[in-house]
Amino acid sequence: MRRVAALAVLAVGLLAACTPDQTDYKHEAESFIKGDERVPAATGTTFTKAEFAPPANTKVGTKYSCVAVAADGTTWDFAVQITAKNRFEIVDYNPRV
């Protein structure tokens, strides 16, 4: 398992929406994993698919998870945490064995 000190940089501004809901966090995290250039820099691969379960709520500290598929077909697990209003951070990532 990789601890994601390198991905602390991956905290992202989330939406311009005043009050994002769980679906907003879900979609933004999926888009981030598939499209932000910092993800392949940290993981060594790009991702073609990412499926998150929406967080249970939007309170700071709430964690939610994702299964992503890398360009080479491997499956990865990501853990994300809401760190502030309109912000999330990838706190862990791990290729499946």
Protein backbone atom coordinates (compact mmCIF):
# COMPACT_ATOMS: atom_id res chain seq x y z
CA MET A 1 0.00 0.00 0.00
CA ARG A 2 1.24 3.50 -0.78
CA ARG A 3 0.71 6.28 1.71
CA VAL A 4 -0.01 9.36 -0.26
CA ALA A 5 2.29 12.06 1.01
CA ALA A 6 3.00 12.80 -2.64
CA LEU A 7 -0.70 13.12 -3.32
CA ALA A 8 -1.23 15.73 -0.64
CA VAL A 9 -0.53 17.99 -3.59
CA LEU A 10 -3.67 16.57 -5.12
CA ALA A 11 -6.01 18.56 -2.95
CA VAL A 12 -8.25 20.20 -5.48
CA GLY A 13 -10.63 23.09 -5.59
CA LEU A 14 -14.04 21.58 -6.05
CA LEU A 15 -16.80 23.31 -7.95
CA ALA A 16 -17.89 26.86 -7.91
CA ALA A 17 -21.18 25.70 -6.42
CA CYS A 18 -22.02 27.34 -3.12
CA THR A 19 -23.22 24.11 -1.55
CA PRO A 20 -21.97 21.02 -3.38
CA ASP A 21 -23.86 17.81 -2.72
CA GLN A 22 -22.62 14.21 -2.59
CA THR A 23 -23.07 13.78 -6.34
CA ASP A 24 -20.87 16.82 -6.99
CA TYR A 25 -18.06 15.33 -4.91
CA LYS A 26 -18.47 11.98 -6.67
CA HIS A 27 -18.27 13.44 -10.18
CA GLU A 28 -15.46 15.87 -9.43
CA ALA A 29 -13.26 13.15 -7.90
CA GLU A 30 -13.89 10.86 -10.88
CA SER A 31 -12.98 13.62 -13.31
CA PHE A 32 -9.91 14.51 -11.29
CA ILE A 33 -8.51 10.96 -11.30
CA LYS A 34 -9.10 10.57 -15.04
CA GLY A 35 -7.98 14.01 -16.12
CA ASP A 36 -5.59 15.83 -13.80
CA GLU A 37 -1.92 15.66 -14.78
CA ARG A 38 -0.82 15.34 -11.13
CA VAL A 39 -2.41 11.88 -10.82
CA PRO A 40 -0.14 10.09 -13.37
CA ALA A 41 2.83 12.03 -12.00
CA ALA A 42 2.14 10.56 -8.55
CA THR A 43 0.91 7.07 -9.54
CA GLY A 44 2.98 6.39 -12.65
CA THR A 45 -0.08 5.71 -14.80
CA THR A 46 -3.14 7.31 -16.34
CA PHE A 47 -6.69 6.18 -15.66
CA THR A 48 -9.40 5.51 -18.23
CA LYS A 49 -12.25 4.83 -15.81
CA ALA A 50 -13.08 5.86 -12.26
CA GLU A 51 -16.21 4.96 -10.31
CA PHE A 52 -16.84 6.55 -6.93
CA ALA A 53 -19.56 5.87 -4.46
CA PRO A 54 -20.90 9.26 -3.37
CA PRO A 55 -19.81 10.27 0.13
CA ALA A 56 -22.36 9.67 2.89
CA ASN A 57 -22.45 13.43 3.48
CA THR A 58 -20.44 16.55 2.64
CA LYS A 59 -19.03 17.26 6.10
CA VAL A 60 -15.31 17.96 6.43
CA GLY A 61 -13.55 14.72 7.33
CA THR A 62 -15.92 12.46 5.39
CA LYS A 63 -14.10 9.77 3.41
CA TYR A 64 -15.27 8.00 0.30
CA SER A 65 -13.73 5.53 -2.10
CA CYS A 66 -13.20 4.79 -5.75
CA VAL A 67 -12.25 1.97 -8.04
CA ALA A 68 -10.28 3.14 -11.07
CA VAL A 69 -8.94 1.33 -14.12
CA ALA A 70 -5.48 2.29 -15.34
CA ALA A 71 -4.52 2.54 -19.00
CA ASP A 72 -2.78 -0.85 -18.73
CA GLY A 73 -5.99 -2.47 -17.43
CA THR A 74 -4.97 -2.78 -13.77
CA THR A 75 -7.51 -1.90 -11.11
CA TRP A 76 -6.69 0.64 -8.38
CA ASP A 77 -8.44 1.67 -5.19
CA PHE A 78 -8.47 5.32 -4.14
CA ALA A 79 -9.57 6.84 -0.84
CA VAL A 80 -10.64 10.47 -0.82
CA GLN A 81 -11.44 12.78 2.07
CA ILE A 82 -13.37 16.03 2.12
CA THR A 83 -10.87 18.49 3.61
CA ALA A 84 -12.82 21.76 3.48
CA LYS A 85 -15.96 23.15 1.90
CA ASN A 86 -15.59 22.56 -1.84
CA ARG A 87 -12.28 20.65 -1.45
CA PHE A 88 -11.22 17.04 -1.38
CA GLU A 89 -7.89 15.27 -1.21
CA ILE A 90 -6.73 11.83 -2.28
CA VAL A 91 -5.50 10.32 0.98
CA ASP A 92 -4.56 6.83 -0.23
CA TYR A 93 -4.21 4.87 -3.44
CA ASN A 94 -3.29 1.30 -4.11
CA PRO A 95 -3.15 -1.02 -7.13
CA ARG A 96 -5.04 -4.25 -6.53
CA VAL A 97 -2.96 -7.38 -6.35
